[in-house]
Amino acid sequence: MIRNNIYSGSSLERKVGCSRAVEVGGHIFVSGTSPYAYDETTVGVGDFEQQARRCLEFISEALEQAGASLQNVVRTRVYMKDMNEFETMARIHGEFFREVRPATSFIQVSGFVRPEWLVEIEVEAVREP
């Protein structure tokens, strides 16, 4: 089994002992993706839409490193602090995945690693090995 660990260069990956994504046999697992920029700042503090879009952009970058794209996504999990943002998140998710239609869950959580984070998204994708 060939395993490909994908790194963003974030110091958090070294500290936690994790990868941005892992690809095994054409299956790509992208870690929970927050609006935490590579310079260790939070993107869009207080702006749910900006944070959600940036999470999906970070995910797209990780998939590209694995030789895939958002078109390969088969599963999304969206963790949100406030379910009142569901309509906004549903609209954004639709923009990114309308044609792909992955299996999806929207889950409300009490908080994240950083209190200013409003959303975190993880995905699974499949491509030809």
C-alpha atoms as a PDB file:
ATOM      1  CA  MET A   1       0.000   0.000   0.000  1.00  0.00           C
ATOM      2  CA  ILE A   2       1.395   3.352  -1.034  1.00  0.00           C
ATOM      3  CA  ARG A   3       0.562   6.243   1.251  1.00  0.00           C
ATOM      4  CA  ASN A   4       0.996   9.874   0.232  1.00  0.00           C
ATOM      5  CA  ASN A   5       0.933  12.415   3.056  1.00  0.00           C
ATOM      6  CA  ILE A   6       0.187  15.936   1.861  1.00  0.00           C
ATOM      7  CA  TYR A   7       1.477  18.869   3.876  1.00  0.00           C
ATOM      8  CA  SER A   8       0.644  22.563   3.693  1.00  0.00           C
ATOM      9  CA  GLY A   9       3.721  23.664   5.587  1.00  0.00           C
ATOM     10  CA  SER A  10       1.714  24.830   8.597  1.00  0.00           C
ATOM     11  CA  SER A  11       3.574  24.527  11.894  1.00  0.00           C
ATOM     12  CA  LEU A  12       0.343  23.132  13.351  1.00  0.00           C
ATOM     13  CA  GLU A  13       0.805  19.942  11.295  1.00  0.00           C
ATOM     14  CA  ARG A  14       4.205  19.330  12.902  1.00  0.00           C
ATOM     15  CA  LYS A  15       2.929  20.194  16.372  1.00  0.00           C
ATOM     16  CA  VAL A  16      -0.162  17.964  16.187  1.00  0.00           C
ATOM     17  CA  GLY A  17       1.427  15.197  14.100  1.00  0.00           C
ATOM     18  CA  CYS A  18      -1.075  15.316  11.261  1.00  0.00           C
ATOM     19  CA  SER A  19      -1.237  15.849   7.516  1.00  0.00           C
ATOM     20  CA  ARG A  20      -3.294  18.328   5.487  1.00  0.00           C
ATOM     21  CA  ALA A  21      -4.512  15.269   3.599  1.00  0.00           C
ATOM     22  CA  VAL A  22      -3.631  11.611   3.109  1.00  0.00           C
ATOM     23  CA  GLU A  23      -4.035   9.700  -0.163  1.00  0.00           C
ATOM     24  CA  VAL A  24      -4.121   5.902  -0.167  1.00  0.00           C
ATOM     25  CA  GLY A  25      -5.095   3.859  -3.215  1.00  0.00           C
ATOM     26  CA  GLY A  26      -6.958   6.713  -4.858  1.00  0.00           C
ATOM     27  CA  HIS A  27      -8.879   7.618  -1.696  1.00  0.00           C
ATOM     28  CA  ILE A  28      -8.085  11.097  -0.385  1.00  0.00           C
ATOM     29  CA  PHE A  29      -8.934  12.132   3.160  1.00  0.00           C
ATOM     30  CA  VAL A  30      -8.661  15.869   3.789  1.00  0.00           C
ATOM     31  CA  SER A  31      -8.304  16.869   7.433  1.00  0.00           C
ATOM     32  CA  GLY A  32     -10.808  19.156   9.074  1.00  0.00           C
ATOM     33  CA  THR A  33     -10.146  22.481   7.390  1.00  0.00           C
ATOM     34  CA  SER A  34     -10.579  25.671   9.334  1.00  0.00           C
ATOM     35  CA  PRO A  35     -10.199  29.290   8.236  1.00  0.00           C
ATOM     36  CA  TYR A  36      -6.688  29.187   9.749  1.00  0.00           C
ATOM     37  CA  ALA A  37      -4.303  30.644   7.185  1.00  0.00           C
ATOM     38  CA  TYR A  38      -0.808  29.315   6.589  1.00  0.00           C
ATOM     39  CA  ASP A  39       0.595  32.431   8.286  1.00  0.00           C
ATOM     40  CA  GLU A  40      -1.299  31.296  11.417  1.00  0.00           C
ATOM     41  CA  THR A  41      -3.961  33.995  11.308  1.00  0.00           C
ATOM     42  CA  THR A  42      -7.695  33.472  11.000  1.00  0.00           C
ATOM     43  CA  VAL A  43      -9.286  34.483   7.712  1.00  0.00           C
ATOM     44  CA  GLY A  44     -12.538  36.456   7.928  1.00  0.00           C
ATOM     45  CA  VAL A  45     -12.873  36.934  11.667  1.00  0.00           C
ATOM     46  CA  GLY A  46     -16.596  37.404  12.339  1.00  0.00           C
ATOM     47  CA  ASP A  47     -17.543  36.704   8.697  1.00  0.00           C
ATOM     48  CA  PHE A  48     -19.070  33.233   8.300  1.00  0.00           C
ATOM     49  CA  GLU A  49     -19.259  33.374   4.499  1.00  0.00           C
ATOM     50  CA  GLN A  50     -15.637  34.423   4.077  1.00  0.00           C
ATOM     51  CA  GLN A  51     -14.498  31.687   6.462  1.00  0.00           C
ATOM     52  CA  ALA A  52     -16.550  28.992   4.704  1.00  0.00           C
ATOM     53  CA  ARG A  53     -15.284  29.997   1.263  1.00  0.00           C
ATOM     54  CA  ARG A  54     -11.689  30.035   2.454  1.00  0.00           C
ATOM     55  CA  CYS A  55     -12.061  26.566   3.996  1.00  0.00           C
ATOM     56  CA  LEU A  56     -13.236  25.225   0.635  1.00  0.00           C
ATOM     57  CA  GLU A  57     -10.389  27.002  -1.176  1.00  0.00           C
ATOM     58  CA  PHE A  58      -7.874  25.401   1.228  1.00  0.00           C
ATOM     59  CA  ILE A  59      -9.522  22.030   0.573  1.00  0.00           C
ATOM     60  CA  SER A  60      -9.287  22.547  -3.178  1.00  0.00           C
ATOM     61  CA  GLU A  61      -5.555  23.291  -2.842  1.00  0.00           C
ATOM     62  CA  ALA A  62      -4.987  20.098  -0.821  1.00  0.00           C
ATOM     63  CA  LEU A  63      -6.893  18.018  -3.374  1.00  0.00           C
ATOM     64  CA  GLU A  64      -4.815  19.493  -6.201  1.00  0.00           C
ATOM     65  CA  GLN A  65      -1.654  18.409  -4.366  1.00  0.00           C
ATOM     66  CA  ALA A  66      -3.108  14.881  -4.354  1.00  0.00           C
ATOM     67  CA  GLY A  67      -3.844  14.981  -8.087  1.00  0.00           C
ATOM     68  CA  ALA A  68      -7.581  15.513  -7.610  1.00  0.00           C
ATOM     69  CA  SER A  69     -10.108  18.340  -7.500  1.00  0.00           C
ATOM     70  CA  LEU A  70     -13.418  19.248  -5.915  1.00  0.00           C
ATOM     71  CA  GLN A  71     -15.018  17.181  -8.695  1.00  0.00           C
ATOM     72  CA  ASN A  72     -13.597  14.059  -7.001  1.00  0.00           C
ATOM     73  CA  VAL A  73     -15.267  14.747  -3.633  1.00  0.00           C
ATOM     74  CA  VAL A  74     -17.650  12.014  -2.476  1.00  0.00           C
ATOM     75  CA  ARG A  75     -18.243  13.126   1.143  1.00  0.00           C
ATOM     76  CA  THR A  76     -18.326  16.437   3.017  1.00  0.00           C
ATOM     77  CA  ARG A  77     -18.780  17.138   6.697  1.00  0.00           C
ATOM     78  CA  VAL A  78     -19.479  20.723   7.674  1.00  0.00           C
ATOM     79  CA  TYR A  79     -19.074  21.644  11.338  1.00  0.00           C
ATOM     80  CA  MET A  80     -20.693  24.947  12.292  1.00  0.00           C
ATOM     81  CA  LYS A  81     -20.859  26.903  15.541  1.00  0.00           C
ATOM     82  CA  ASP A  82     -24.230  28.406  14.680  1.00  0.00           C
ATOM     83  CA  MET A  83     -26.865  26.503  12.715  1.00  0.00           C
ATOM     84  CA  ASN A  84     -28.487  29.861  11.944  1.00  0.00           C
ATOM     85  CA  GLU A  85     -25.777  30.065   9.250  1.00  0.00           C
ATOM     86  CA  PHE A  86     -27.180  26.956   7.539  1.00  0.00           C
ATOM     87  CA  GLU A  87     -28.748  28.848   4.602  1.00  0.00           C
ATOM     88  CA  THR A  88     -25.473  30.654   3.928  1.00  0.00           C
ATOM     89  CA  MET A  89     -23.496  27.415   4.174  1.00  0.00           C
ATOM     90  CA  ALA A  90     -25.972  25.518   2.000  1.00  0.00           C
ATOM     91  CA  ARG A  91     -25.697  28.199  -0.704  1.00  0.00           C
ATOM     92  CA  ILE A  92     -21.893  28.154  -0.644  1.00  0.00           C
ATOM     93  CA  HIS A  93     -21.770  24.338  -0.575  1.00  0.00           C
ATOM     94  CA  GLY A  94     -24.095  24.332  -3.577  1.00  0.00           C
ATOM     95  CA  GLU A  95     -21.831  26.708  -5.483  1.00  0.00           C
ATOM     96  CA  PHE A  96     -18.832  24.436  -4.970  1.00  0.00           C
ATOM     97  CA  PHE A  97     -20.557  21.034  -5.262  1.00  0.00           C
ATOM     98  CA  ARG A  98     -23.837  21.482  -7.176  1.00  0.00           C
ATOM     99  CA  GLU A  99     -22.789  19.138 -10.006  1.00  0.00           C
ATOM    100  CA  VAL A 100     -20.847  16.699  -7.803  1.00  0.00           C
ATOM    101  CA  ARG A 101     -23.495  16.222  -5.102  1.00  0.00           C
ATOM    102  CA  PRO A 102     -21.389  14.450  -2.462  1.00  0.00           C
ATOM    103  CA  ALA A 103     -22.877  12.787   0.590  1.00  0.00           C
ATOM    104  CA  THR A 104     -23.035  15.608   3.127  1.00  0.00           C
ATOM    105  CA  SER A 105     -23.567  16.286   6.819  1.00  0.00           C
ATOM    106  CA  PHE A 106     -24.080  19.631   8.561  1.00  0.00           C
ATOM    107  CA  ILE A 107     -23.224  19.377  12.250  1.00  0.00           C
ATOM    108  CA  GLN A 108     -23.486  22.019  14.960  1.00  0.00           C
ATOM    109  CA  VAL A 109     -20.619  22.102  17.460  1.00  0.00           C
ATOM    110  CA  SER A 110     -20.025  24.111  20.616  1.00  0.00           C
ATOM    111  CA  GLY A 111     -16.632  25.422  19.565  1.00  0.00           C
ATOM    112  CA  PHE A 112     -13.338  24.988  17.753  1.00  0.00           C
ATOM    113  CA  VAL A 113      -9.634  25.187  18.618  1.00  0.00           C
ATOM    114  CA  ARG A 114      -9.754  28.945  18.083  1.00  0.00           C
ATOM    115  CA  PRO A 115     -12.798  30.830  19.391  1.00  0.00           C
ATOM    116  CA  GLU A 116     -13.008  33.045  16.280  1.00  0.00           C
ATOM    117  CA  TRP A 117     -13.502  30.068  13.958  1.00  0.00           C
ATOM    118  CA  LEU A 118     -17.119  29.738  12.855  1.00  0.00           C
ATOM    119  CA  VAL A 119     -16.843  26.728  10.530  1.00  0.00           C
ATOM    120  CA  GLU A 120     -14.625  23.741   9.769  1.00  0.00           C
ATOM    121  CA  ILE A 121     -15.029  21.407   6.797  1.00  0.00           C
ATOM    122  CA  GLU A 122     -13.573  17.985   6.006  1.00  0.00           C
ATOM    123  CA  VAL A 123     -13.922  16.009   2.803  1.00  0.00           C
ATOM    124  CA  GLU A 124     -13.195  12.638   1.288  1.00  0.00           C
ATOM    125  CA  ALA A 125     -12.465  12.233  -2.399  1.00  0.00           C
ATOM    126  CA  VAL A 126     -11.745   9.364  -4.774  1.00  0.00           C
ATOM    127  CA  ARG A 127      -9.656   9.348  -7.935  1.00  0.00           C
ATOM    128  CA  GLU A 128      -8.055   6.699 -10.104  1.00  0.00           C
ATOM    129  CA  PRO A 129      -4.937   5.429  -8.268  1.00  0.00           C
END
